[in-house]
Every structure is written in structure tokens, then in C-alpha cells.
Amino acid sequence: GVYDRLRTLPVSYFEIIFAKIGVFLTVCIFQFILLMFIGVYIMPMLGDLPSLDLRVSYPALLLALIASSLAATGFGIIVGTFAGTHGQAATFGSVMVVILAMLGGIFVPVYMLPDTIKKISMISPLRWGTDAFLGVFARNEGIGRIWPELFLLIGFFCISLILSVRMFNSHK
């Protein structure tokens, strides 16, 4: 019923979508800042852990953050568009994130997966994001080296947005 209430306002569907993108992009950025704070200041206080080393390419880090945040936002928008209820969206979204995380090397590094699963993992946006952040943090790579992952993440966002708009327009 939220969308029905929003339709009473003098705003277009695109304004609603881009407002959602702006809000969720901001939330993702704040989450990232919080995680970096924890890595730099909190984790070293919990034991003999080193502080997170932030001597990285900041332009590459910023682009990886924005691209992965846009991909996550696009996924949320498309799930919300296709789902009929909040429960459907929450269940489907959660299950898909776990599957994509398993394929993307979040639980087990990709190099340890069987060859067949390694090939399948190439379609996981979580793998693209993980590879981009590993490039920045672990291999100290710049934009030029992580560009393929950035392109895939932004492409996933664009495709998600296009499919969401088409799905929404077909249900008017």
C-alpha cells in the first residue's frame, strides 16, 4: 500500500526510483564507513589484531564502493518490483543473497571451489564486488586493474533498473 500512497503525490515513478537509489546508496556508504572504522580502531582493541591498512588507491576504493553499492541497490529494487509482498521480497532476497554469496567466494574463497562452481561463480555480482575490493585492499590495485569488475557491477545495476521499470510499467 505504500506505493499507492506515493502515487497520490505529484511525483513521477523515476523520481521515486532515484530517491530510493539516493537513500540506499547513502546507507551503503555509511555502512562502509562504519566497517572501516571498526577495522581501523575497534578490531585492534579486541586482541592482537593489526589495524586495517588503508594505504590503498582511494579513487579505486571509492569507485568499488559506489559500483558495489549501486549493484546492491539495483538488486533490492528489482526484488521489490517483482515481489508482491514484503514477506516474498524478504524471503527471496535473503535466499538469493546467500546463494550468490556462496557462488561469489564470500563463504569459501573461489580458488577453493570445484572447477564447475568456479565457472558458475562468474555470474555472481558478489564475486565481482569481492574481486574489486580484494584488488584494492589485498593487491593494492588501481582503477585500471579493477575496471572489469566495476563495469560488471554497474552493468548489473543498469540491467536491474531497466527490468524494474519495464516490470512496473507492464503492471500499471
N, C-alpha and C. Protein backbone atom coordinates (compact mmCIF):
# COMPACT_ATOMS: atom_id res chain seq x y z
N GLY A 1 0.79 -1.20 0.00
CA GLY A 1 0.00 0.00 0.00
C GLY A 1 0.84 1.27 0.00
N VAL A 2 2.14 1.14 0.25
CA VAL A 2 2.99 2.33 0.29
C VAL A 2 3.03 3.00 -1.07
N TYR A 3 3.16 2.18 -2.13
CA TYR A 3 3.23 2.79 -3.45
C TYR A 3 1.92 3.50 -3.80
N ASP A 4 0.79 2.95 -3.38
CA ASP A 4 -0.49 3.62 -3.63
C ASP A 4 -0.52 4.99 -2.96
N ARG A 5 0.03 5.09 -1.77
CA ARG A 5 0.09 6.40 -1.09
C ARG A 5 1.05 7.34 -1.81
N LEU A 6 2.18 6.78 -2.29
CA LEU A 6 3.14 7.61 -3.02
C LEU A 6 2.55 8.15 -4.33
N ARG A 7 1.67 7.36 -4.94
CA ARG A 7 1.06 7.79 -6.20
C ARG A 7 0.16 9.01 -6.03
N THR A 8 -0.26 9.28 -4.81
CA THR A 8 -1.09 10.46 -4.59
C THR A 8 -0.26 11.73 -4.59
N LEU A 9 1.06 11.59 -4.50
CA LEU A 9 1.95 12.75 -4.53
C LEU A 9 2.25 13.13 -5.97
N PRO A 10 2.54 14.41 -6.21
CA PRO A 10 2.83 14.83 -7.58
C PRO A 10 4.28 14.54 -7.99
N VAL A 11 4.65 13.25 -7.98
CA VAL A 11 5.99 12.84 -8.37
C VAL A 11 5.88 11.70 -9.37
N SER A 12 6.89 11.58 -10.24
CA SER A 12 6.90 10.50 -11.23
C SER A 12 7.54 9.25 -10.63
N TYR A 13 7.37 8.15 -11.33
CA TYR A 13 7.98 6.89 -10.91
C TYR A 13 9.50 7.02 -10.87
N PHE A 14 10.06 7.75 -11.84
CA PHE A 14 11.52 7.93 -11.88
C PHE A 14 12.01 8.71 -10.67
N GLU A 15 11.25 9.68 -10.22
CA GLU A 15 11.65 10.42 -9.02
C GLU A 15 11.64 9.50 -7.80
N ILE A 16 10.67 8.61 -7.74
CA ILE A 16 10.60 7.67 -6.62
C ILE A 16 11.80 6.72 -6.67
N ILE A 17 12.09 6.17 -7.86
CA ILE A 17 13.22 5.23 -8.01
C ILE A 17 14.54 5.92 -7.67
N PHE A 18 14.75 7.13 -8.21
CA PHE A 18 16.03 7.79 -7.96
C PHE A 18 16.16 8.26 -6.52
N ALA A 19 15.05 8.52 -5.86
CA ALA A 19 15.10 8.82 -4.43
C ALA A 19 15.53 7.57 -3.65
N LYS A 20 14.97 6.41 -4.04
CA LYS A 20 15.38 5.16 -3.39
C LYS A 20 16.86 4.90 -3.61
N ILE A 21 17.31 5.10 -4.84
CA ILE A 21 18.73 4.89 -5.15
C ILE A 21 19.60 5.80 -4.28
N GLY A 22 19.22 7.06 -4.18
CA GLY A 22 19.99 8.01 -3.37
C GLY A 22 20.04 7.60 -1.91
N VAL A 23 18.90 7.21 -1.36
CA VAL A 23 18.84 6.81 0.05
C VAL A 23 19.67 5.56 0.30
N PHE A 24 19.48 4.53 -0.54
CA PHE A 24 20.20 3.28 -0.31
C PHE A 24 21.69 3.40 -0.59
N LEU A 25 22.05 4.24 -1.54
CA LEU A 25 23.46 4.49 -1.80
C LEU A 25 24.09 5.16 -0.58
N THR A 26 23.38 6.10 0.02
CA THR A 26 23.87 6.76 1.24
C THR A 26 24.00 5.76 2.38
N VAL A 27 23.03 4.87 2.54
CA VAL A 27 23.10 3.85 3.60
C VAL A 27 24.31 2.95 3.38
N CYS A 28 24.53 2.53 2.13
CA CYS A 28 25.69 1.67 1.84
C CYS A 28 27.01 2.37 2.17
N ILE A 29 27.09 3.64 1.85
CA ILE A 29 28.32 4.40 2.13
C ILE A 29 28.55 4.52 3.64
N PHE A 30 27.48 4.80 4.40
CA PHE A 30 27.63 4.87 5.85
C PHE A 30 28.00 3.51 6.45
N GLN A 31 27.44 2.43 5.91
CA GLN A 31 27.83 1.09 6.38
C GLN A 31 29.31 0.85 6.13
N PHE A 32 29.78 1.23 4.95
CA PHE A 32 31.18 1.05 4.61
C PHE A 32 32.08 1.85 5.55
N ILE A 33 31.71 3.09 5.81
CA ILE A 33 32.50 3.93 6.73
C ILE A 33 32.53 3.30 8.11
N LEU A 34 31.41 2.78 8.57
CA LEU A 34 31.36 2.11 9.88
C LEU A 34 32.27 0.89 9.91
N LEU A 35 32.24 0.09 8.85
CA LEU A 35 33.10 -1.09 8.79
C LEU A 35 34.58 -0.71 8.76
N MET A 36 34.92 0.34 8.05
CA MET A 36 36.32 0.79 8.01
C MET A 36 36.75 1.28 9.40
N PHE A 37 35.85 1.99 10.10
CA PHE A 37 36.13 2.46 11.46
C PHE A 37 36.40 1.26 12.38
N ILE A 38 35.55 0.25 12.25
CA ILE A 38 35.73 -0.95 13.08
C ILE A 38 37.06 -1.62 12.76
N GLY A 39 37.39 -1.73 11.47
CA GLY A 39 38.65 -2.37 11.07
C GLY A 39 39.88 -1.62 11.53
N VAL A 40 39.79 -0.29 11.56
CA VAL A 40 40.95 0.52 11.93
C VAL A 40 41.08 0.66 13.44
N TYR A 41 39.96 0.86 14.14
CA TYR A 41 40.04 1.22 15.56
C TYR A 41 39.55 0.15 16.53
N ILE A 42 38.47 -0.56 16.21
CA ILE A 42 37.87 -1.48 17.17
C ILE A 42 38.56 -2.84 17.17
N MET A 43 38.77 -3.42 15.99
CA MET A 43 39.37 -4.76 15.92
C MET A 43 40.74 -4.83 16.60
N PRO A 44 41.63 -3.84 16.45
CA PRO A 44 42.91 -3.92 17.16
C PRO A 44 42.75 -3.91 18.69
N MET A 45 41.67 -3.33 19.19
CA MET A 45 41.45 -3.29 20.64
C MET A 45 40.96 -4.63 21.18
N LEU A 46 40.52 -5.54 20.30
CA LEU A 46 39.96 -6.81 20.74
C LEU A 46 41.00 -7.92 20.89
N GLY A 47 42.23 -7.62 20.62
CA GLY A 47 43.27 -8.64 20.73
C GLY A 47 44.51 -8.23 19.97
N ASP A 48 45.24 -9.21 19.52
CA ASP A 48 46.48 -8.96 18.79
C ASP A 48 46.24 -8.85 17.29
N LEU A 49 45.20 -8.17 16.93
CA LEU A 49 44.90 -8.00 15.51
C LEU A 49 45.49 -6.68 15.01
N PRO A 50 46.05 -6.70 13.81
CA PRO A 50 46.57 -5.44 13.26
C PRO A 50 45.43 -4.54 12.82
N SER A 51 45.70 -3.27 12.76
CA SER A 51 44.73 -2.30 12.26
C SER A 51 44.60 -2.48 10.75
N LEU A 52 43.41 -2.23 10.23
CA LEU A 52 43.19 -2.29 8.79
C LEU A 52 44.07 -1.27 8.11
N ASP A 53 44.82 -1.72 7.12
CA ASP A 53 45.73 -0.85 6.39
C ASP A 53 44.96 -0.14 5.28
N LEU A 54 44.84 1.16 5.38
CA LEU A 54 44.10 1.94 4.40
C LEU A 54 45.03 2.68 3.43
N ARG A 55 46.25 2.18 3.27
CA ARG A 55 47.14 2.75 2.25
C ARG A 55 46.84 2.08 0.92
N VAL A 56 45.73 2.52 0.33
CA VAL A 56 45.23 1.93 -0.91
C VAL A 56 44.96 3.06 -1.90
N SER A 57 44.59 2.69 -3.09
CA SER A 57 44.19 3.67 -4.09
C SER A 57 42.78 4.15 -3.75
N TYR A 58 42.70 5.38 -3.25
CA TYR A 58 41.39 5.90 -2.83
C TYR A 58 40.41 6.08 -3.99
N PRO A 59 40.85 6.49 -5.17
CA PRO A 59 39.89 6.54 -6.29
C PRO A 59 39.33 5.14 -6.61
N ALA A 60 40.18 4.13 -6.60
CA ALA A 60 39.71 2.76 -6.87
C ALA A 60 38.77 2.30 -5.77
N LEU A 61 39.11 2.61 -4.52
CA LEU A 61 38.26 2.23 -3.39
C LEU A 61 36.89 2.91 -3.50
N LEU A 62 36.89 4.19 -3.83
CA LEU A 62 35.63 4.93 -3.96
C LEU A 62 34.78 4.36 -5.09
N LEU A 63 35.39 4.07 -6.22
CA LEU A 63 34.63 3.50 -7.34
C LEU A 63 34.12 2.10 -7.02
N ALA A 64 34.92 1.29 -6.32
CA ALA A 64 34.47 -0.04 -5.92
C ALA A 64 33.28 0.07 -4.96
N LEU A 65 33.36 1.02 -4.05
CA LEU A 65 32.26 1.25 -3.10
C LEU A 65 30.99 1.67 -3.83
N ILE A 66 31.10 2.63 -4.73
CA ILE A 66 29.92 3.11 -5.44
C ILE A 66 29.35 2.03 -6.35
N ALA A 67 30.20 1.33 -7.08
CA ALA A 67 29.72 0.29 -8.00
C ALA A 67 29.04 -0.85 -7.24
N SER A 68 29.64 -1.30 -6.15
CA SER A 68 29.03 -2.39 -5.39
C SER A 68 27.75 -1.93 -4.69
N SER A 69 27.72 -0.69 -4.24
CA SER A 69 26.51 -0.15 -3.62
C SER A 69 25.39 -0.02 -4.64
N LEU A 70 25.72 0.42 -5.84
CA LEU A 70 24.70 0.51 -6.89
C LEU A 70 24.17 -0.87 -7.26
N ALA A 71 25.05 -1.86 -7.35
CA ALA A 71 24.62 -3.22 -7.67
C ALA A 71 23.68 -3.75 -6.59
N ALA A 72 24.03 -3.53 -5.32
CA ALA A 72 23.16 -3.98 -4.23
C ALA A 72 21.81 -3.26 -4.26
N THR A 73 21.84 -1.97 -4.55
CA THR A 73 20.61 -1.20 -4.64
C THR A 73 19.76 -1.68 -5.81
N GLY A 74 20.38 -1.93 -6.95
CA GLY A 74 19.66 -2.46 -8.10
C GLY A 74 19.01 -3.80 -7.80
N PHE A 75 19.74 -4.66 -7.09
CA PHE A 75 19.17 -5.95 -6.70
C PHE A 75 17.95 -5.75 -5.81
N GLY A 76 18.06 -4.85 -4.84
CA GLY A 76 16.92 -4.59 -3.96
C GLY A 76 15.72 -4.03 -4.70
N ILE A 77 15.96 -3.15 -5.64
CA ILE A 77 14.85 -2.55 -6.40
C ILE A 77 14.17 -3.59 -7.26
N ILE A 78 14.95 -4.45 -7.91
CA ILE A 78 14.32 -5.45 -8.78
C ILE A 78 13.56 -6.49 -7.95
N VAL A 79 14.10 -6.87 -6.81
CA VAL A 79 13.38 -7.81 -5.95
C VAL A 79 12.08 -7.17 -5.46
N GLY A 80 12.15 -5.90 -5.05
CA GLY A 80 10.96 -5.20 -4.60
C GLY A 80 9.91 -5.03 -5.68
N THR A 81 10.35 -4.87 -6.92
CA THR A 81 9.42 -4.71 -8.04
C THR A 81 8.71 -6.02 -8.36
N PHE A 82 9.44 -7.13 -8.32
CA PHE A 82 8.86 -8.42 -8.68
C PHE A 82 8.04 -9.03 -7.55
N ALA A 83 8.38 -8.72 -6.31
CA ALA A 83 7.69 -9.33 -5.18
C ALA A 83 6.32 -8.68 -4.98
N GLY A 84 5.36 -9.51 -4.58
CA GLY A 84 4.02 -8.99 -4.33
C GLY A 84 3.84 -8.50 -2.91
N THR A 85 4.63 -9.05 -1.98
CA THR A 85 4.51 -8.66 -0.57
C THR A 85 5.90 -8.47 0.02
N HIS A 86 5.91 -7.85 1.20
CA HIS A 86 7.19 -7.68 1.91
C HIS A 86 7.79 -9.03 2.25
N GLY A 87 6.96 -9.98 2.65
CA GLY A 87 7.45 -11.31 3.01
C GLY A 87 8.11 -12.01 1.84
N GLN A 88 7.50 -11.90 0.65
CA GLN A 88 8.10 -12.50 -0.54
C GLN A 88 9.46 -11.87 -0.83
N ALA A 89 9.53 -10.56 -0.76
CA ALA A 89 10.78 -9.86 -1.04
C ALA A 89 11.86 -10.24 -0.04
N ALA A 90 11.50 -10.29 1.24
CA ALA A 90 12.47 -10.61 2.28
C ALA A 90 12.99 -12.04 2.13
N THR A 91 12.09 -12.97 1.87
CA THR A 91 12.50 -14.37 1.74
C THR A 91 13.33 -14.58 0.49
N PHE A 92 12.83 -14.14 -0.66
CA PHE A 92 13.55 -14.34 -1.91
C PHE A 92 14.90 -13.61 -1.88
N GLY A 93 14.90 -12.38 -1.42
CA GLY A 93 16.13 -11.60 -1.35
C GLY A 93 17.17 -12.26 -0.48
N SER A 94 16.77 -12.73 0.69
CA SER A 94 17.71 -13.38 1.61
C SER A 94 18.28 -14.66 1.02
N VAL A 95 17.41 -15.48 0.44
CA VAL A 95 17.87 -16.74 -0.14
C VAL A 95 18.83 -16.47 -1.31
N MET A 96 18.49 -15.53 -2.17
CA MET A 96 19.35 -15.23 -3.31
C MET A 96 20.71 -14.66 -2.87
N VAL A 97 20.71 -13.83 -1.84
CA VAL A 97 21.99 -13.27 -1.36
C VAL A 97 22.87 -14.40 -0.83
N VAL A 98 22.30 -15.36 -0.12
CA VAL A 98 23.10 -16.48 0.40
C VAL A 98 23.65 -17.31 -0.76
N ILE A 99 22.81 -17.59 -1.76
CA ILE A 99 23.28 -18.37 -2.92
C ILE A 99 24.37 -17.61 -3.66
N LEU A 100 24.15 -16.34 -3.94
CA LEU A 100 25.15 -15.55 -4.65
C LEU A 100 26.43 -15.39 -3.84
N ALA A 101 26.31 -15.33 -2.51
CA ALA A 101 27.49 -15.23 -1.65
C ALA A 101 28.30 -16.53 -1.69
N MET A 102 27.58 -17.67 -1.68
CA MET A 102 28.30 -18.95 -1.78
C MET A 102 29.02 -19.06 -3.11
N LEU A 103 28.35 -18.63 -4.18
CA LEU A 103 28.98 -18.67 -5.50
C LEU A 103 30.07 -17.62 -5.64
N GLY A 104 29.95 -16.52 -4.92
CA GLY A 104 30.86 -15.40 -5.10
C GLY A 104 32.12 -15.44 -4.27
N GLY A 105 32.32 -16.48 -3.49
CA GLY A 105 33.54 -16.59 -2.72
C GLY A 105 33.49 -15.88 -1.38
N ILE A 106 32.31 -15.58 -0.89
CA ILE A 106 32.18 -14.92 0.41
C ILE A 106 32.40 -15.93 1.54
N PHE A 107 31.83 -17.13 1.42
CA PHE A 107 31.96 -18.15 2.45
C PHE A 107 33.25 -18.94 2.32
N VAL A 108 33.56 -19.33 1.10
CA VAL A 108 34.75 -20.10 0.78
C VAL A 108 35.43 -19.40 -0.39
N PRO A 109 36.73 -19.14 -0.32
CA PRO A 109 37.39 -18.46 -1.45
C PRO A 109 37.17 -19.21 -2.76
N VAL A 110 37.01 -18.45 -3.82
CA VAL A 110 36.70 -19.03 -5.14
C VAL A 110 37.74 -20.05 -5.56
N TYR A 111 39.01 -19.80 -5.27
CA TYR A 111 40.05 -20.73 -5.71
C TYR A 111 39.92 -22.11 -5.06
N MET A 112 39.16 -22.21 -3.97
CA MET A 112 38.96 -23.50 -3.30
C MET A 112 37.72 -24.24 -3.80
N LEU A 113 36.92 -23.59 -4.63
CA LEU A 113 35.69 -24.20 -5.14
C LEU A 113 36.02 -25.18 -6.27
N PRO A 114 35.14 -26.17 -6.48
CA PRO A 114 35.33 -27.07 -7.62
C PRO A 114 35.28 -26.28 -8.94
N ASP A 115 35.92 -26.80 -9.96
CA ASP A 115 36.02 -26.08 -11.24
C ASP A 115 34.66 -25.69 -11.81
N THR A 116 33.68 -26.57 -11.71
CA THR A 116 32.35 -26.26 -12.24
C THR A 116 31.74 -25.06 -11.51
N ILE A 117 31.88 -25.05 -10.20
CA ILE A 117 31.33 -23.94 -9.41
C ILE A 117 32.11 -22.66 -9.67
N LYS A 118 33.42 -22.77 -9.91
CA LYS A 118 34.21 -21.59 -10.25
C LYS A 118 33.66 -20.92 -11.51
N LYS A 119 33.30 -21.72 -12.49
CA LYS A 119 32.75 -21.17 -13.73
C LYS A 119 31.40 -20.52 -13.49
N ILE A 120 30.57 -21.18 -12.69
CA ILE A 120 29.25 -20.63 -12.37
C ILE A 120 29.39 -19.34 -11.56
N SER A 121 30.42 -19.26 -10.73
CA SER A 121 30.60 -18.09 -9.85
C SER A 121 30.84 -16.81 -10.64
N MET A 122 31.19 -16.93 -11.90
CA MET A 122 31.44 -15.75 -12.72
C MET A 122 30.18 -14.90 -12.92
N ILE A 123 28.99 -15.46 -12.64
CA ILE A 123 27.75 -14.70 -12.81
C ILE A 123 27.27 -14.04 -11.51
N SER A 124 28.02 -14.17 -10.45
CA SER A 124 27.61 -13.63 -9.16
C SER A 124 28.11 -12.20 -8.96
N PRO A 125 27.19 -11.25 -8.80
CA PRO A 125 27.62 -9.87 -8.52
C PRO A 125 28.45 -9.77 -7.22
N LEU A 126 28.21 -10.69 -6.28
CA LEU A 126 29.01 -10.66 -5.06
C LEU A 126 30.45 -11.04 -5.35
N ARG A 127 30.67 -11.89 -6.33
CA ARG A 127 32.05 -12.21 -6.71
C ARG A 127 32.71 -10.98 -7.33
N TRP A 128 31.98 -10.27 -8.18
CA TRP A 128 32.56 -9.09 -8.81
C TRP A 128 32.95 -8.06 -7.76
N GLY A 129 32.07 -7.86 -6.79
CA GLY A 129 32.37 -6.90 -5.72
C GLY A 129 33.53 -7.36 -4.86
N THR A 130 33.53 -8.65 -4.52
CA THR A 130 34.62 -9.20 -3.71
C THR A 130 35.95 -9.07 -4.45
N ASP A 131 35.95 -9.40 -5.74
CA ASP A 131 37.18 -9.29 -6.53
C ASP A 131 37.67 -7.84 -6.61
N ALA A 132 36.73 -6.90 -6.74
CA ALA A 132 37.12 -5.48 -6.79
C ALA A 132 37.76 -5.06 -5.47
N PHE A 133 37.12 -5.40 -4.35
CA PHE A 133 37.67 -5.00 -3.05
C PHE A 133 38.96 -5.74 -2.72
N LEU A 134 39.06 -7.01 -3.11
CA LEU A 134 40.33 -7.73 -2.92
C LEU A 134 41.43 -7.07 -3.73
N GLY A 135 41.09 -6.64 -4.94
CA GLY A 135 42.08 -5.95 -5.76
C GLY A 135 42.58 -4.68 -5.09
N VAL A 136 41.66 -3.93 -4.50
CA VAL A 136 42.05 -2.67 -3.86
C VAL A 136 42.81 -2.93 -2.56
N PHE A 137 42.27 -3.77 -1.69
CA PHE A 137 42.86 -3.95 -0.36
C PHE A 137 44.03 -4.94 -0.34
N ALA A 138 43.89 -6.08 -1.00
CA ALA A 138 44.91 -7.13 -0.88
C ALA A 138 46.03 -6.98 -1.90
N ARG A 139 45.69 -6.50 -3.11
CA ARG A 139 46.69 -6.42 -4.16
C ARG A 139 47.08 -4.98 -4.49
N ASN A 140 46.52 -4.03 -3.77
CA ASN A 140 46.81 -2.60 -3.92
C ASN A 140 46.69 -2.16 -5.39
N GLU A 141 45.62 -2.61 -6.04
CA GLU A 141 45.40 -2.29 -7.45
C GLU A 141 44.66 -0.97 -7.59
N GLY A 142 44.84 -0.35 -8.71
CA GLY A 142 44.15 0.89 -9.01
C GLY A 142 42.93 0.64 -9.89
N ILE A 143 42.37 1.72 -10.38
CA ILE A 143 41.15 1.65 -11.18
C ILE A 143 41.36 0.79 -12.43
N GLY A 144 42.50 0.95 -13.07
CA GLY A 144 42.76 0.21 -14.30
C GLY A 144 42.69 -1.29 -14.15
N ARG A 145 43.05 -1.80 -12.99
CA ARG A 145 43.06 -3.26 -12.76
C ARG A 145 41.71 -3.79 -12.31
N ILE A 146 40.87 -2.96 -11.70
CA ILE A 146 39.57 -3.44 -11.22
C ILE A 146 38.43 -3.01 -12.15
N TRP A 147 38.78 -2.38 -13.28
CA TRP A 147 37.76 -1.87 -14.18
C TRP A 147 36.77 -2.95 -14.65
N PRO A 148 37.21 -4.17 -14.97
CA PRO A 148 36.23 -5.18 -15.41
C PRO A 148 35.14 -5.44 -14.37
N GLU A 149 35.53 -5.53 -13.09
CA GLU A 149 34.55 -5.77 -12.03
C GLU A 149 33.61 -4.57 -11.87
N LEU A 150 34.18 -3.36 -11.96
CA LEU A 150 33.35 -2.16 -11.86
C LEU A 150 32.33 -2.12 -12.99
N PHE A 151 32.77 -2.44 -14.19
CA PHE A 151 31.88 -2.46 -15.35
C PHE A 151 30.74 -3.47 -15.15
N LEU A 152 31.06 -4.67 -14.66
CA LEU A 152 30.03 -5.69 -14.41
C LEU A 152 29.04 -5.24 -13.35
N LEU A 153 29.54 -4.65 -12.26
CA LEU A 153 28.65 -4.20 -11.19
C LEU A 153 27.72 -3.09 -11.66
N ILE A 154 28.25 -2.13 -12.38
CA ILE A 154 27.42 -1.03 -12.88
C ILE A 154 26.46 -1.54 -13.95
N GLY A 155 26.92 -2.47 -14.77
CA GLY A 155 26.03 -3.08 -15.76
C GLY A 155 24.89 -3.84 -15.11
N PHE A 156 25.18 -4.56 -14.02
CA PHE A 156 24.14 -5.26 -13.28
C PHE A 156 23.11 -4.26 -12.73
N PHE A 157 23.60 -3.15 -12.21
CA PHE A 157 22.71 -2.11 -11.70
C PHE A 157 21.81 -1.59 -12.82
N CYS A 158 22.39 -1.28 -13.97
CA CYS A 158 21.61 -0.73 -15.09
C CYS A 158 20.56 -1.73 -15.58
N ILE A 159 20.95 -2.99 -15.73
CA ILE A 159 20.01 -4.02 -16.17
C ILE A 159 18.89 -4.19 -15.15
N SER A 160 19.24 -4.19 -13.87
CA SER A 160 18.22 -4.31 -12.82
C SER A 160 17.23 -3.16 -12.88
N LEU A 161 17.75 -1.97 -13.09
CA LEU A 161 16.90 -0.78 -13.17
C LEU A 161 15.98 -0.84 -14.39
N ILE A 162 16.53 -1.22 -15.53
CA ILE A 162 15.72 -1.31 -16.75
C ILE A 162 14.62 -2.35 -16.59
N LEU A 163 14.97 -3.53 -16.05
CA LEU A 163 13.96 -4.57 -15.84
C LEU A 163 12.90 -4.13 -14.84
N SER A 164 13.30 -3.41 -13.81
CA SER A 164 12.35 -2.92 -12.81
C SER A 164 11.36 -1.95 -13.43
N VAL A 165 11.86 -1.02 -14.22
CA VAL A 165 10.99 -0.03 -14.86
C VAL A 165 10.04 -0.73 -15.83
N ARG A 166 10.55 -1.66 -16.62
CA ARG A 166 9.69 -2.40 -17.56
C ARG A 166 8.62 -3.19 -16.82
N MET A 167 9.02 -3.86 -15.75
CA MET A 167 8.06 -4.65 -14.97
C MET A 167 7.01 -3.74 -14.36
N PHE A 168 7.44 -2.63 -13.83
CA PHE A 168 6.50 -1.68 -13.23
C PHE A 168 5.53 -1.16 -14.28
N ASN A 169 6.04 -0.77 -15.45
CA ASN A 169 5.19 -0.23 -16.50
C ASN A 169 4.20 -1.26 -17.04
N SER A 170 4.57 -2.54 -17.01
CA SER A 170 3.66 -3.58 -17.50
C SER A 170 2.54 -3.87 -16.51
N HIS A 171 2.69 -3.46 -15.26
CA HIS A 171 1.65 -3.69 -14.24
C HIS A 171 0.78 -2.47 -13.95
N LYS A 172 0.97 -1.42 -14.71
CA LYS A 172 0.15 -0.20 -14.48
C LYS A 172 -1.30 -0.47 -14.75
